[in-house]
PDB file of N, CA and C in Angstrom:
ATOM      1  N   MET A   1       6.542  37.218  -4.062  1.00  0.00           N
ATOM      2  CA  MET A   1       6.594  36.198  -3.702  1.00  0.00           C
ATOM      3  C   MET A   1       5.991  35.951  -2.511  1.00  0.00           C
ATOM      4  N   PRO A   2       4.907  35.024  -2.138  1.00  0.00           N
ATOM      5  CA  PRO A   2       3.727  35.142  -1.185  1.00  0.00           C
ATOM      6  C   PRO A   2       4.516  35.018   0.143  1.00  0.00           C
ATOM      7  N   SER A   3       4.592  35.549   1.052  1.00  0.00           N
ATOM      8  CA  SER A   3       4.517  35.809   2.383  1.00  0.00           C
ATOM      9  C   SER A   3       4.819  34.353   2.961  1.00  0.00           C
ATOM     10  N   THR A   4       5.224  33.921   3.446  1.00  0.00           N
ATOM     11  CA  THR A   4       4.858  32.261   4.711  1.00  0.00           C
ATOM     12  C   THR A   4       5.469  32.445   5.806  1.00  0.00           C
ATOM     13  N   THR A   5       4.706  32.374   6.743  1.00  0.00           N
ATOM     14  CA  THR A   5       5.494  32.051   8.298  1.00  0.00           C
ATOM     15  C   THR A   5       6.024  30.591   8.497  1.00  0.00           C
ATOM     16  N   LYS A   6       7.173  31.260   9.946  1.00  0.00           N
ATOM     17  CA  LYS A   6       7.467  29.982   9.698  1.00  0.00           C
ATOM     18  C   LYS A   6       6.433  28.689  10.167  1.00  0.00           C
ATOM     19  N   GLN A   7       5.267  29.211  10.493  1.00  0.00           N
ATOM     20  CA  GLN A   7       4.581  27.956  11.296  1.00  0.00           C
ATOM     21  C   GLN A   7       3.863  27.056   9.677  1.00  0.00           C
ATOM     22  N   GLU A   8       3.669  27.977   8.814  1.00  0.00           N
ATOM     23  CA  GLU A   8       2.983  27.259   7.819  1.00  0.00           C
ATOM     24  C   GLU A   8       4.408  26.652   6.954  1.00  0.00           C
ATOM     25  N   ALA A   9       5.069  27.053   6.825  1.00  0.00           N
ATOM     26  CA  ALA A   9       6.502  25.777   6.950  1.00  0.00           C
ATOM     27  C   ALA A   9       6.451  25.086   7.261  1.00  0.00           C
ATOM     28  N   ASP A  10       6.137  24.993   8.900  1.00  0.00           N
ATOM     29  CA  ASP A  10       6.606  23.684   8.839  1.00  0.00           C
ATOM     30  C   ASP A  10       5.234  23.138   8.977  1.00  0.00           C
ATOM     31  N   ALA A  11       4.563  23.550   9.008  1.00  0.00           N
ATOM     32  CA  ALA A  11       3.018  22.855   8.797  1.00  0.00           C
ATOM     33  C   ALA A  11       3.194  22.308   6.795  1.00  0.00           C
ATOM     34  N   TYR A  12       3.752  22.636   6.082  1.00  0.00           N
ATOM     35  CA  TYR A  12       4.231  22.100   5.003  1.00  0.00           C
ATOM     36  C   TYR A  12       5.205  21.287   4.840  1.00  0.00           C
ATOM     37  N   ASP A  13       6.219  20.992   5.389  1.00  0.00           N
ATOM     38  CA  ASP A  13       7.205  20.286   5.503  1.00  0.00           C
ATOM     39  C   ASP A  13       6.612  18.725   6.193  1.00  0.00           C
ATOM     40  N   GLN A  14       5.658  19.182   7.186  1.00  0.00           N
ATOM     41  CA  GLN A  14       5.327  18.377   8.161  1.00  0.00           C
ATOM     42  C   GLN A  14       4.204  17.218   6.967  1.00  0.00           C
ATOM     43  N   MET A  15       3.754  17.808   6.336  1.00  0.00           N
ATOM     44  CA  MET A  15       2.466  17.075   5.521  1.00  0.00           C
ATOM     45  C   MET A  15       3.340  16.474   4.041  1.00  0.00           C
ATOM     46  N   ILE A  16       4.787  16.864   3.846  1.00  0.00           N
ATOM     47  CA  ILE A  16       5.505  16.418   2.475  1.00  0.00           C
ATOM     48  C   ILE A  16       6.325  15.199   3.550  1.00  0.00           C
ATOM     49  N   ASP A  17       6.752  15.318   4.583  1.00  0.00           N
ATOM     50  CA  ASP A  17       7.294  14.352   4.887  1.00  0.00           C
ATOM     51  C   ASP A  17       6.256  12.872   5.656  1.00  0.00           C
ATOM     52  N   ALA A  18       5.242  13.086   5.918  1.00  0.00           N
ATOM     53  CA  ALA A  18       4.242  12.399   5.904  1.00  0.00           C
ATOM     54  C   ALA A  18       3.551  11.815   4.255  1.00  0.00           C
ATOM     55  N   ALA A  19       3.592  11.960   3.493  1.00  0.00           N
ATOM     56  CA  ALA A  19       3.709  12.432   2.250  1.00  0.00           C
ATOM     57  C   ALA A  19       4.342  10.924   1.795  1.00  0.00           C
ATOM     58  N   ALA A  20       5.643  11.303   1.961  1.00  0.00           N
ATOM     59  CA  ALA A  20       6.828  10.610   1.928  1.00  0.00           C
ATOM     60  C   ALA A  20       6.402   9.222   2.679  1.00  0.00           C
ATOM     61  N   GLU A  21       6.254   9.681   3.879  1.00  0.00           N
ATOM     62  CA  GLU A  21       5.565   7.838   4.834  1.00  0.00           C
ATOM     63  C   GLU A  21       4.855   7.295   4.184  1.00  0.00           C
ATOM     64  N   LEU A  22       3.926   7.911   3.326  1.00  0.00           N
ATOM     65  CA  LEU A  22       2.509   7.229   3.000  1.00  0.00           C
ATOM     66  C   LEU A  22       3.275   6.939   1.432  1.00  0.00           C
ATOM     67  N   ALA A  23       4.129   6.681   0.916  1.00  0.00           N
ATOM     68  CA  ALA A  23       5.000   6.377  -0.032  1.00  0.00           C
ATOM     69  C   ALA A  23       5.403   5.315   0.014  1.00  0.00           C
ATOM     70  N   ASP A  24       6.581   5.161   1.436  1.00  0.00           N
ATOM     71  CA  ASP A  24       7.231   4.565   1.512  1.00  0.00           C
ATOM     72  C   ASP A  24       6.125   3.248   1.699  1.00  0.00           C
ATOM     73  N   LEU A  25       4.870   2.974   2.188  1.00  0.00           N
ATOM     74  CA  LEU A  25       4.364   2.316   2.862  1.00  0.00           C
ATOM     75  C   LEU A  25       3.387   1.454   2.114  1.00  0.00           C
ATOM     76  N   ILE A  26       3.429   2.249   1.007  1.00  0.00           N
ATOM     77  CA  ILE A  26       2.428   1.634  -0.673  1.00  0.00           C
ATOM     78  C   ILE A  26       3.750   1.054  -1.120  1.00  0.00           C
ATOM     79  N   GLU A  27       4.519   1.392  -1.561  1.00  0.00           N
ATOM     80  CA  GLU A  27       5.607   0.836  -2.042  1.00  0.00           C
ATOM     81  C   GLU A  27       6.392  -0.598  -1.269  1.00  0.00           C
ATOM     82  N   THR A  28       6.213  -0.619   0.418  1.00  0.00           N
ATOM     83  CA  THR A  28       6.663  -1.818   0.257  1.00  0.00           C
ATOM     84  C   THR A  28       5.422  -2.521   1.067  1.00  0.00           C
ATOM     85  N   GLY A  29       4.245  -2.295   0.627  1.00  0.00           N
ATOM     86  CA  GLY A  29       2.852  -2.987   0.162  1.00  0.00           C
ATOM     87  C   GLY A  29       2.971  -3.802  -0.859  1.00  0.00           C
ATOM     88  N   GLY A  30       3.738  -3.282  -1.561  1.00  0.00           N
ATOM     89  CA  GLY A  30       3.978  -4.521  -3.107  1.00  0.00           C
ATOM     90  C   GLY A  30       2.812  -4.119  -3.901  1.00  0.00           C
ATOM     91  N   ILE A  31       2.385  -2.531  -3.670  1.00  0.00           N
ATOM     92  CA  ILE A  31       1.490  -2.229  -5.003  1.00  0.00           C
ATOM     93  C   ILE A  31       2.120  -1.274  -5.915  1.00  0.00           C
ATOM     94  N   ALA A  32       2.167  -1.801  -7.007  1.00  0.00           N
ATOM     95  CA  ALA A  32       2.787  -0.981  -8.252  1.00  0.00           C
ATOM     96  C   ALA A  32       2.180   0.082  -8.670  1.00  0.00           C
ATOM     97  N   VAL A  33       2.700   1.586  -8.737  1.00  0.00           N
ATOM     98  CA  VAL A  33       1.948   2.743  -8.846  1.00  0.00           C
ATOM     99  C   VAL A  33       3.370   3.291  -9.767  1.00  0.00           C
ATOM    100  N   ASP A  34       2.992   4.397 -10.526  1.00  0.00           N
ATOM    101  CA  ASP A  34       3.582   4.939 -11.495  1.00  0.00           C
ATOM    102  C   ASP A  34       4.148   6.110 -10.473  1.00  0.00           C
ATOM    103  N   GLU A  35       5.092   6.094 -10.384  1.00  0.00           N
ATOM    104  CA  GLU A  35       5.614   7.300  -9.681  1.00  0.00           C
ATOM    105  C   GLU A  35       5.274   8.728  -9.620  1.00  0.00           C
ATOM    106  N   TYR A  36       4.608   8.921 -10.790  1.00  0.00           N
ATOM    107  CA  TYR A  36       4.067  10.229 -10.582  1.00  0.00           C
ATOM    108  C   TYR A  36       2.471  10.458 -10.167  1.00  0.00           C
ATOM    109  N   VAL A  37       2.102   9.440 -10.147  1.00  0.00           N
ATOM    110  CA  VAL A  37       0.966   8.828  -9.676  1.00  0.00           C
ATOM    111  C   VAL A  37       0.847   8.651  -7.944  1.00  0.00           C
ATOM    112  N   LEU A  38       1.851   8.129  -7.864  1.00  0.00           N
ATOM    113  CA  LEU A  38       2.099   7.905  -6.187  1.00  0.00           C
ATOM    114  C   LEU A  38       2.503   9.229  -5.941  1.00  0.00           C
ATOM    115  N   GLU A  39       3.005  10.028  -5.883  1.00  0.00           N
ATOM    116  CA  GLU A  39       3.493  11.028  -5.590  1.00  0.00           C
ATOM    117  C   GLU A  39       2.323  12.176  -5.376  1.00  0.00           C
ATOM    118  N   GLU A  40       1.266  11.946  -6.557  1.00  0.00           N
ATOM    119  CA  GLU A  40      -0.219  12.790  -6.472  1.00  0.00           C
ATOM    120  C   GLU A  40      -0.655  12.205  -5.494  1.00  0.00           C
ATOM    121  N   LEU A  41      -0.842  11.205  -5.387  1.00  0.00           N
ATOM    122  CA  LEU A  41      -1.613  10.447  -4.429  1.00  0.00           C
ATOM    123  C   LEU A  41      -1.206  10.372  -3.295  1.00  0.00           C
ATOM    124  N   THR A  42      -0.007  10.446  -2.384  1.00  0.00           N
ATOM    125  CA  THR A  42       0.372  10.658  -1.309  1.00  0.00           C
ATOM    126  C   THR A  42       0.204  11.938  -0.972  1.00  0.00           C
ATOM    127  N   ILE A  43       0.383  12.892  -1.423  1.00  0.00           N
ATOM    128  CA  ILE A  43       0.172  14.645  -1.506  1.00  0.00           C
ATOM    129  C   ILE A  43      -1.069  14.742  -0.811  1.00  0.00           C
ATOM    130  N   PHE A  44      -2.056  14.278  -1.862  1.00  0.00           N
ATOM    131  CA  PHE A  44      -3.400  14.498  -1.286  1.00  0.00           C
ATOM    132  C   PHE A  44      -3.660  13.914  -0.554  1.00  0.00           C
ATOM    133  N   LEU A  45      -3.503  12.500  -0.484  1.00  0.00           N
ATOM    134  CA  LEU A  45      -3.700  12.066   1.230  1.00  0.00           C
ATOM    135  C   LEU A  45      -3.376  12.529   2.614  1.00  0.00           C
ATOM    136  N   ALA A  46      -2.254  13.423   2.276  1.00  0.00           N
ATOM    137  CA  ALA A  46      -1.563  14.268   3.361  1.00  0.00           C
ATOM    138  C   ALA A  46      -2.415  15.601   3.899  1.00  0.00           C
ATOM    139  N   GLU A  47      -2.689  16.262   2.503  1.00  0.00           N
ATOM    140  CA  GLU A  47      -3.181  17.378   2.502  1.00  0.00           C
ATOM    141  C   GLU A  47      -4.893  17.148   3.509  1.00  0.00           C
ATOM    142  N   ASN A  48      -5.175  15.943   3.122  1.00  0.00           N
ATOM    143  CA  ASN A  48      -6.942  15.652   3.268  1.00  0.00           C
ATOM    144  C   ASN A  48      -6.878  14.857   4.349  1.00  0.00           C
ATOM    145  N   ALA A  49      -5.451  14.579   5.629  1.00  0.00           N
ATOM    146  CA  ALA A  49      -5.294  13.811   6.726  1.00  0.00           C
ATOM    147  C   ALA A  49      -6.837  13.784   7.442  1.00  0.00           C
ATOM    148  N   GLN A  50      -7.061  15.123   7.722  1.00  0.00           N
ATOM    149  CA  GLN A  50      -8.247  15.421   8.698  1.00  0.00           C
ATOM    150  C   GLN A  50      -9.426  14.510   8.248  1.00  0.00           C
ATOM    151  N   GLU A  51      -9.934  14.627   7.461  1.00  0.00           N
ATOM    152  CA  GLU A  51     -11.083  13.562   7.023  1.00  0.00           C
ATOM    153  C   GLU A  51     -10.235  12.593   6.819  1.00  0.00           C
ATOM    154  N   ILE A  52      -9.328  11.749   5.947  1.00  0.00           N
ATOM    155  CA  ILE A  52      -9.216  10.624   6.441  1.00  0.00           C
ATOM    156  C   ILE A  52      -9.019   9.943   7.753  1.00  0.00           C
ATOM    157  N   ARG A  53      -8.535  10.803   8.791  1.00  0.00           N
ATOM    158  CA  ARG A  53      -8.694  10.316   9.838  1.00  0.00           C
ATOM    159  C   ARG A  53     -10.423  10.320  10.299  1.00  0.00           C
ATOM    160  N   GLN A  54     -11.081  10.768   9.817  1.00  0.00           N
ATOM    161  CA  GLN A  54     -12.411  10.809  10.399  1.00  0.00           C
ATOM    162  C   GLN A  54     -12.772   9.595   9.862  1.00  0.00           C
ATOM    163  N   MET A  55     -12.465   9.166   8.870  1.00  0.00           N
ATOM    164  CA  MET A  55     -13.523   8.100   7.934  1.00  0.00           C
ATOM    165  C   MET A  55     -12.558   6.599   8.752  1.00  0.00           C
ATOM    166  N   PHE A  56     -11.410   7.126   9.289  1.00  0.00           N
ATOM    167  CA  PHE A  56     -10.847   5.403   9.780  1.00  0.00           C
ATOM    168  C   PHE A  56     -11.138   5.321  11.554  1.00  0.00           C
ATOM    169  N   LYS A  57     -11.645   6.224  11.958  1.00  0.00           N
ATOM    170  CA  LYS A  57     -12.133   6.061  13.517  1.00  0.00           C
ATOM    171  C   LYS A  57     -13.031   5.550  13.260  1.00  0.00           C
ATOM    172  N   LYS A  58     -14.246   5.749  11.845  1.00  0.00           N
ATOM    173  CA  LYS A  58     -15.383   4.249  11.924  1.00  0.00           C
ATOM    174  C   LYS A  58     -15.266   2.664  12.007  1.00  0.00           C
ATOM    175  N   LEU A  59     -13.569   2.669  11.329  1.00  0.00           N
ATOM    176  CA  LEU A  59     -13.416   1.177  11.426  1.00  0.00           C
ATOM    177  C   LEU A  59     -13.256   0.806  13.214  1.00  0.00           C
ATOM    178  N   THR A  60     -14.191  -0.621  13.029  1.00  0.00           N
ATOM    179  CA  THR A  60     -14.235  -0.678  14.367  1.00  0.00           C
ATOM    180  C   THR A  60     -13.091  -2.178  14.582  1.00  0.00           C
ATOM    181  N   HIS A  61     -12.736  -2.976  13.280  1.00  0.00           N
ATOM    182  CA  HIS A  61     -12.157  -3.964  13.126  1.00  0.00           C
ATOM    183  C   HIS A  61     -10.662  -4.133  12.542  1.00  0.00           C
ATOM    184  N   ARG A  62      -9.924  -5.080  13.152  1.00  0.00           N
ATOM    185  CA  ARG A  62      -8.499  -4.286  12.020  1.00  0.00           C
ATOM    186  C   ARG A  62      -8.287  -5.356  11.687  1.00  0.00           C
ATOM    187  N   PHE A  63      -8.189  -5.257  10.035  1.00  0.00           N
ATOM    188  CA  PHE A  63      -7.852  -6.636   8.689  1.00  0.00           C
ATOM    189  C   PHE A  63      -6.123  -6.644   9.212  1.00  0.00           C
ATOM    190  N   PRO A  64      -6.214  -8.002   8.463  1.00  0.00           N
ATOM    191  CA  PRO A  64      -4.588  -8.187   8.643  1.00  0.00           C
ATOM    192  C   PRO A  64      -3.776  -7.281   7.300  1.00  0.00           C
TER     193      PRO A  64
END
């Protein structure tokens, strides 16, 4: 069994929490997505938050 530090475990928990919040946002936005696909997508987005943050920094206009 791999050894995990408290810091690594906390970071993983934060990533899973972010994925759950993303799933809620997508569902309340009225986008119909298969449950499995939604889980995979939100985990992917949460795992790649740094890269996504960089992409969104380039946006200068807020869309409704």
